[in-house]
Protein backbone atom coordinates (compact mmCIF):
# COMPACT_ATOMS: atom_id res chain seq x y z
CA MET A 1 116.99 109.90 127.18
CA ARG A 2 118.24 109.59 123.64
CA ALA A 3 117.66 105.79 123.77
CA PHE A 4 114.09 106.49 125.33
CA LYS A 5 113.22 108.93 122.32
CA LEU A 6 114.68 106.27 119.89
CA ALA A 7 112.45 103.59 121.41
CA LEU A 8 109.23 105.93 121.12
CA LEU A 9 110.09 106.64 117.49
CA ILE A 10 110.31 102.99 116.72
CA LEU A 11 107.01 102.26 118.45
CA ALA A 12 105.18 105.17 116.58
CA LEU A 13 106.26 103.81 113.31
CA VAL A 14 105.19 100.31 114.00
CA PRO A 15 101.67 99.73 112.16
CA ALA A 16 99.94 98.93 115.41
CA THR A 17 96.39 100.44 115.71
CA TRP A 18 96.56 100.61 119.47
CA LEU A 19 98.85 103.52 119.04
CA ARG A 20 96.25 105.42 117.35
CA ALA A 21 93.07 105.57 119.71
CA PRO A 22 90.15 107.48 118.06
CA LYS A 23 89.98 111.19 118.47
CA PRO A 24 87.54 113.75 117.38
CA GLU A 25 88.12 115.19 114.06
CA PRO A 26 89.69 118.99 114.61
CA SER A 27 88.11 121.81 112.63
CA SER A 28 90.33 122.18 109.50
CA ASP A 29 90.45 122.83 105.87
CA PRO A 30 88.84 119.72 104.22
CA ALA A 31 90.50 120.51 100.93
CA VAL A 32 92.17 117.60 99.38
CA HIS A 33 94.97 117.55 96.42
CA LEU A 34 96.26 114.62 94.77
CA ALA A 35 99.95 115.59 93.60
CA ASP A 36 101.27 113.59 90.74
CA LEU A 37 104.85 112.38 91.66
CA MET A 38 105.07 110.17 88.48
CA PRO A 39 107.38 112.89 86.60
CA THR A 40 110.13 112.28 89.20
CA LEU A 41 110.18 108.60 88.32
CA ARG A 42 109.73 108.29 84.77
CA SER A 43 113.34 108.03 83.75
CA ASP A 44 113.88 105.22 86.19
CA LEU A 45 110.77 103.26 87.14
CA PRO A 46 110.90 101.00 90.11
CA GLN A 47 110.92 97.29 89.24
CA MET A 48 108.13 95.14 90.87
CA GLY A 49 108.09 91.79 89.14
CA ALA A 50 105.17 91.16 87.09
CA LEU A 51 103.76 94.66 87.77
CA GLN A 52 104.58 97.89 86.12
CA LEU A 53 104.28 101.33 87.99
CA ALA A 54 101.72 103.23 86.02
CA GLY A 55 101.11 106.11 88.42
CA VAL A 56 101.88 107.55 91.79
CA TRP A 57 100.18 110.35 93.64
CA GLN A 58 100.52 111.91 97.15
CA ILE A 59 97.20 112.72 98.76
CA LYS A 60 97.70 115.86 100.50
CA GLY A 61 95.51 118.01 102.79
CA ARG A 62 95.14 119.49 106.31
CA ALA A 63 92.61 116.95 107.70
CA ARG A 64 93.96 114.45 110.06
CA SER A 65 91.80 111.66 108.69
CA LEU A 66 94.02 111.83 105.26
CA GLY A 67 96.79 110.22 107.27
CA THR A 68 94.95 107.20 108.41
CA LEU A 69 93.37 105.57 105.31
CA SER A 70 93.35 101.93 105.52
CA GLY A 71 90.77 100.39 103.16
CA LEU A 72 90.02 101.06 99.37
CA ALA A 73 87.14 100.05 97.11
CA GLY A 74 85.99 100.93 93.51
CA THR A 75 82.69 102.88 93.08
CA ASP A 76 80.87 103.96 90.15
CA ASP A 77 82.54 107.30 90.01
CA GLY A 78 86.00 106.25 91.16
CA PHE A 79 87.06 105.03 94.72
CA VAL A 80 86.26 105.20 98.20
CA ALA A 81 88.83 104.90 101.17
CA VAL A 82 88.07 104.43 104.91
CA GLY A 83 90.26 105.24 107.88
CA ASP A 84 91.32 104.63 111.22
CA ARG A 85 89.32 107.45 112.85
CA GLY A 86 86.01 106.95 110.99
CA GLY A 87 86.97 109.21 107.97
CA VAL A 88 85.89 108.48 104.43
CA LEU A 89 87.60 109.81 101.26
CA TRP A 90 85.74 109.76 98.08
CA PHE A 91 87.83 110.59 94.94
CA THR A 92 87.60 110.20 91.13
CA ARG A 93 90.54 108.43 89.17
CA PRO A 94 93.57 110.82 88.97
CA ASP A 95 94.70 109.19 85.65
CA ARG A 96 91.88 110.41 83.57
CA ALA A 97 91.21 113.81 82.11
CA GLY A 98 89.29 116.28 84.44
CA ALA A 99 90.02 114.07 87.42
CA GLY A 100 91.15 115.19 90.74
CA HIS A 101 87.74 115.66 92.43
CA ALA A 102 87.80 114.50 96.06
CA HIS A 103 85.99 115.28 99.26
CA LEU A 104 86.06 113.98 102.99
CA ASP A 105 83.20 112.55 104.95
CA ARG A 106 82.49 110.71 108.06
CA LEU A 107 81.28 107.10 108.75
CA ILE A 108 79.86 108.31 112.11
CA HIS A 109 78.61 111.87 112.37
CA LEU A 110 78.21 111.58 116.26
CA GLU A 111 80.66 112.52 119.06
CA TRP A 112 82.54 109.34 119.74
CA ARG A 113 83.11 110.07 123.52
CA LYS A 114 79.44 109.87 124.17
CA HIS A 115 78.57 106.99 121.76
CA ARG A 116 80.76 103.70 121.67
CA TYR A 117 80.89 103.20 118.04
CA ALA A 118 83.53 101.36 116.03
CA THR A 119 85.86 103.91 114.37
CA ASP A 120 89.14 101.95 113.53
CA ALA A 121 88.00 100.98 109.92
CA GLU A 122 90.47 98.87 108.06
CA SER A 123 88.68 97.36 105.08
CA VAL A 124 85.78 97.96 102.86
CA PHE A 125 83.67 96.79 99.89
CA VAL A 126 80.79 98.03 97.89
CA GLU A 127 77.69 95.79 97.23
CA PRO A 128 77.19 95.83 93.45
CA ALA A 129 73.28 95.76 93.81
CA SER A 130 72.84 98.30 96.48
CA GLY A 131 75.88 100.38 96.52
CA ASP A 132 75.86 100.04 100.36
CA LEU A 133 79.33 100.27 101.93
CA VAL A 134 80.42 97.18 104.19
CA VAL A 135 83.19 98.07 106.49
CA GLY A 136 85.34 96.00 108.64
CA TYR A 137 87.03 97.16 111.83
CA GLU A 138 89.92 96.25 114.16
CA ASP A 139 88.48 97.49 117.39
CA LYS A 140 85.13 95.70 117.39
CA PRO A 141 84.18 92.06 116.39
CA MET A 142 81.82 93.32 113.77
CA LEU A 143 81.21 94.64 110.40
CA GLN A 144 78.78 97.66 109.53
CA ARG A 145 76.86 98.29 106.60
CA PHE A 146 76.28 102.00 105.24
CA SER A 147 74.06 103.26 102.89
CA PRO A 148 75.60 104.97 99.75
CA ASP A 149 75.06 108.53 101.38
CA LEU A 150 76.26 107.08 105.01
CA ALA A 151 73.03 108.45 106.32
CA ARG A 152 72.00 104.85 107.49
CA HIS A 153 74.01 102.14 108.94
CA GLU A 154 73.61 98.83 110.75
CA ALA A 155 75.90 96.69 112.75
CA ILE A 156 76.61 93.07 111.84
CA PRO A 157 78.21 91.50 115.05
CA LEU A 158 80.49 88.41 114.05
CA PRO A 159 81.50 86.40 117.04
CA ALA A 160 84.32 84.65 114.77
CA LEU A 161 85.91 88.02 114.93
CA ALA A 162 86.21 87.94 118.58
CA GLU A 163 88.63 85.03 118.31
CA TRP A 164 91.30 87.50 116.90
CA PRO A 165 93.23 90.11 118.95
CA GLU A 166 91.58 93.45 118.97
CA ASN A 167 94.47 95.08 116.96
CA GLN A 168 94.72 92.36 114.42
CA GLY A 169 91.08 91.80 113.21
CA ALA A 170 89.33 92.21 109.77
CA GLU A 171 92.32 93.83 108.13
CA ALA A 172 91.50 92.17 104.59
CA MET A 173 88.20 91.70 103.28
CA THR A 174 86.38 91.57 99.88
CA ARG A 175 83.22 90.31 98.14
CA LEU A 176 83.90 87.87 95.57
CA ALA A 177 82.27 87.89 92.01
CA ASP A 178 80.36 84.58 92.92
CA GLY A 179 78.88 86.59 96.11
CA ARG A 180 80.90 85.08 98.78
CA THR A 181 82.69 87.26 101.46
CA LEU A 182 86.20 86.53 102.47
CA ILE A 183 87.97 87.90 105.60
CA ILE A 184 91.63 87.41 106.37
CA GLY A 185 92.99 88.16 109.92
CA GLU A 186 96.14 90.02 110.41
CA THR A 187 96.87 87.74 113.33
CA TYR A 188 98.89 84.42 113.15
CA SER A 189 97.15 81.05 113.25
CA ARG A 190 99.85 79.46 115.28
CA TRP A 191 102.54 80.50 117.81
CA LEU A 192 105.92 80.89 116.56
CA ASP A 193 104.67 80.63 112.92
CA ARG A 194 104.76 83.98 110.97
CA THR A 195 103.19 82.55 107.87
CA ARG A 196 99.82 81.26 108.61
CA HIS A 197 96.80 83.49 109.00
CA PRO A 198 93.12 82.62 109.85
CA ALA A 199 90.51 83.42 107.16
CA LEU A 200 86.81 83.15 106.96
CA ILE A 201 84.40 82.49 104.17
CA PHE A 202 80.67 83.77 104.12
CA PRO A 203 78.35 82.60 101.46
CA GLY A 204 77.28 85.96 100.99
CA THR A 205 77.42 89.44 102.63
CA PRO A 206 77.64 88.36 106.38
CA ARG A 207 74.54 88.32 108.52
CA PRO A 208 74.51 89.06 112.16
CA SER A 209 76.25 86.16 114.39
CA GLU A 210 76.70 84.07 111.25
CA ASP A 211 79.09 81.15 111.76
CA PRO A 212 81.67 81.04 108.64
CA ALA A 213 83.57 78.32 107.15
CA ARG A 214 87.34 78.63 107.76
CA PHE A 215 90.50 78.28 105.77
CA VAL A 216 94.14 79.11 106.32
CA LEU A 217 96.39 81.52 104.21
CA ILE A 218 100.13 81.10 104.00
CA MET A 219 101.90 84.56 103.38
CA PRO A 220 105.78 85.15 102.99
CA ASP A 221 107.39 84.91 106.29
CA GLY A 222 106.86 88.12 108.33
CA TYR A 223 104.34 89.65 105.96
CA ARG A 224 100.82 90.17 107.41
CA PRO A 225 97.93 90.52 105.06
CA SER A 226 96.54 93.96 104.96
CA GLU A 227 94.11 93.89 102.08
CA LEU A 228 92.44 91.41 99.64
CA ALA A 229 90.91 92.04 96.20
CA GLN A 230 89.66 89.99 93.27
CA MET A 231 90.84 90.79 89.73
CA PRO A 232 88.37 91.16 86.80
CA ASP A 233 89.63 87.67 85.34
CA GLY A 234 88.81 86.07 88.89
CA ARG A 235 92.18 85.69 90.61
CA LEU A 236 92.53 86.78 94.22
CA LEU A 237 95.20 89.24 95.38
CA VAL A 238 96.56 89.57 98.79
CA LEU A 239 98.53 92.71 99.92
CA GLY A 240 100.99 92.10 102.70
CA ARG A 241 103.07 94.32 104.71
CA HIS A 242 106.12 93.99 106.76
CA PHE A 243 108.05 96.29 109.10
CA GLY A 244 111.56 96.07 109.84
CA LEU A 245 114.55 98.35 110.80
CA LEU A 246 114.61 99.67 107.21
CA GLY A 247 111.06 100.55 107.24
CA PHE A 248 108.04 99.04 105.40
CA ARG A 249 107.97 96.47 102.69
CA SER A 250 104.98 95.21 100.75
CA VAL A 251 104.16 92.07 98.78
CA ILE A 252 101.41 91.21 96.44
CA VAL A 253 100.51 87.39 96.14
CA VAL A 254 97.89 85.84 93.90
CA PHE A 255 95.92 82.66 94.03
CA ALA A 256 92.78 81.09 92.40
CA PRO A 257 89.27 81.62 93.71
CA GLN A 258 88.61 77.76 93.56
CA ASP A 259 91.41 77.36 96.04
CA VAL A 260 89.24 78.90 98.53
CA ARG A 261 87.14 76.17 100.37
CA PRO A 262 86.32 75.06 103.92
CA GLY A 263 89.47 73.57 105.58
CA ALA A 264 91.90 74.49 102.82
CA VAL A 265 95.56 75.84 103.18
CA VAL A 266 96.18 78.21 100.51
CA THR A 267 99.76 79.10 99.59
CA PRO A 268 99.50 81.83 96.89
CA GLN A 269 102.45 82.94 94.48
CA VAL A 270 104.21 86.02 94.87
CA LEU A 271 103.24 88.60 92.08
CA ALA A 272 105.32 91.66 93.00
CA ARG A 273 107.32 93.16 95.82
CA ILE A 274 107.50 96.76 96.65
CA ASP A 275 110.79 97.67 98.28
CA ASP A 276 111.88 100.75 96.32
CA PRO A 277 112.62 103.46 98.77
CA ARG A 278 110.98 106.08 96.62
CA ILE A 279 107.52 104.62 96.88
CA ARG A 280 107.57 102.24 99.64
CA ASP A 281 105.15 102.91 102.64
CA ASN A 282 102.68 101.45 104.85
CA TYR A 283 100.11 100.05 102.19
CA GLU A 284 96.85 98.89 103.60
CA GLY A 285 94.43 99.46 100.84
CA MET A 286 93.94 97.78 97.48
CA THR A 287 91.35 97.36 94.62
CA VAL A 288 91.51 96.38 91.08
CA THR A 289 90.04 98.02 87.93
CA ARG A 290 89.72 96.83 84.34
CA GLU A 291 91.45 99.21 81.89
CA ALA A 292 90.15 99.93 78.54
CA ASP A 293 93.03 98.07 76.65
CA GLY A 294 92.40 94.95 78.31
CA SER A 295 95.02 95.05 81.08
CA GLN A 296 94.11 95.31 84.80
CA ALA A 297 95.22 97.92 87.18
CA ILE A 298 95.81 97.44 90.91
CA TRP A 299 95.37 100.46 93.02
CA LEU A 300 97.14 100.64 96.55
CA ILE A 301 96.72 103.43 99.11
CA SER A 302 98.93 103.88 102.16
CA ASP A 303 98.24 104.78 105.90
CA SER A 304 100.74 107.33 106.94
CA ASN A 305 99.77 106.85 110.56
CA GLU A 306 99.37 110.68 110.65
CA MET A 307 103.00 110.84 110.87
CA VAL A 308 103.33 113.28 108.00
CA TRP A 309 107.01 114.08 108.93
CA ALA A 310 107.95 110.45 108.44
CA GLN A 311 105.38 108.83 106.10
CA ARG A 312 103.07 109.87 103.19
CA THR A 313 99.65 109.00 102.04
CA LEU A 314 100.40 107.46 98.65
CA LEU A 315 98.16 106.23 95.97
CA LEU A 316 99.83 103.86 93.47
CA LYS A 317 98.57 102.42 90.21
CA LEU A 318 100.13 99.13 89.01
CA ARG A 319 99.50 97.64 85.74
CA ILE A 320 99.44 94.11 84.84
CA GLY A 321 98.89 92.54 81.46
CA PRO A 322 95.72 91.30 79.67
CA GLU A 323 93.13 89.37 81.88
CA VAL A 324 93.57 85.57 82.07
CA ARG A 325 90.73 83.97 80.17
CA GLN A 326 89.39 80.82 81.83
CA THR A 327 88.68 77.93 79.45
CA PRO A 328 85.46 76.16 79.58
CA ALA A 329 86.74 73.21 81.46
CA ARG A 330 88.68 75.29 84.02
CA SER A 331 85.50 77.50 84.54
CA ALA A 332 83.49 74.30 85.22
CA ARG A 333 85.96 73.11 87.70
CA ALA A 334 86.16 76.35 89.53
CA ALA A 335 82.12 76.33 89.77
CA ALA A 336 82.31 72.90 91.18
CA GLY A 337 84.95 73.90 93.74
CA ARG A 338 87.75 71.57 92.14
CA PRO A 339 91.23 72.65 91.22
CA ALA A 340 92.17 73.13 87.79
CA ASP A 341 94.46 70.75 86.01
């Protein structure tokens, strides 16, 4: 029996969505609190390669959907995070004076047992012109576009996503500054190869049944992509996660947007690793902001799998130096889809 309980514990900790089938949100206090954990770390900050830890908060509250947050995007007022049970958290930047405003919402306001809606949201981006939210799922080969108030939504079925396993779908997604949409699968491209991941290129926001171009992303061995974001200076970041006997590890890799082209095999460089036991967790959401001093901030959010006794819902702010300015020659090559010298 002891061995059986240990096996259940290990399975519960594995970041597999099939262990978390959608359930109705129970009636509970929706209040959300972001607790600042930075004071406990200031004397000995974790080392993360090229990144510096600039803030860490624990998102607390009684609502179950706070323990399932998997996608993160920037908004005009701060951030929006989407979760595995259809939950949405809107919140302002906690690093600014007067911040701390947060409220929970729902992507779908109907009883899920009566209507077969996708609820396992894993990725999200905000369209700049309309403010619409575009959400990717693991449990359906589709995206959904929501109006800013979530009152209206439309499905975007994508047959290409049906090629990926149901619990390893559109885990990482973003809209690039040039208008393209990239989606990276958590699944592997080849058997017995734990580095190659399939990725899709759409010329704009995907349209129903649109056939995308494809490329392959090479991740560090054993790390699955869990989020994708573009920095203000144009570089692309992929957040990767690994689960082993010692718990979760995360890595952030970086590559150039001109590397993304049909048929390409992209091997990014490792920018940072997050393995300090004080802050490591199941990070699944990532977005980037431009800071007033010219630096860039990478924000990560973790999915605690509703296991508040074993994991936390953390928000990290990681600082990287001033933006990399492209020279005219490099910019021209990027626009033409050719690699820089």
